[in-house]
């Protein structure tokens, strides 16, 4: 691709990941949107694949870790559903409960919905990036 396209992708990649993170943690009063966050991260990565080609994109980004990212995300999603079911008998129960104080990191409220949304984002981003990386490889082998 052209030098202009590569320069634009370099400028847009990190801000796109910041937007994806903002989608995931969208606010302390409401739940985030992990699916949209994963799609934004996957689109940013696909732009790198398109602008630089698969071989150079694998040197720039750790695309080989996409399946592991999806697997860790799946563990987060399943864990946020199963652990409350084992402890309280109610799957996907929001923690901390109303009677407990919410843990905060600055303005960010850390709760079980944040783990669930982060897991969904990791599953979507890791899965889409892995499929795109496999589709982009011409020989089907790891570089």
Foldseek 3Di string as FASTA:
>chain_A
DDPVLQVVLVVVLVVLLVVLVCQLQVFAVDGHALQVSLVSNQVSLVSLCVVPNLVVSVVVDVLVCLVVLLVVLVVLQVCCFVVCCVVPVHGNDKPPDPVDDFDDDVRGTDISSSSNSSSSSSNSNSVSSNVSSCVRDPVSDDD
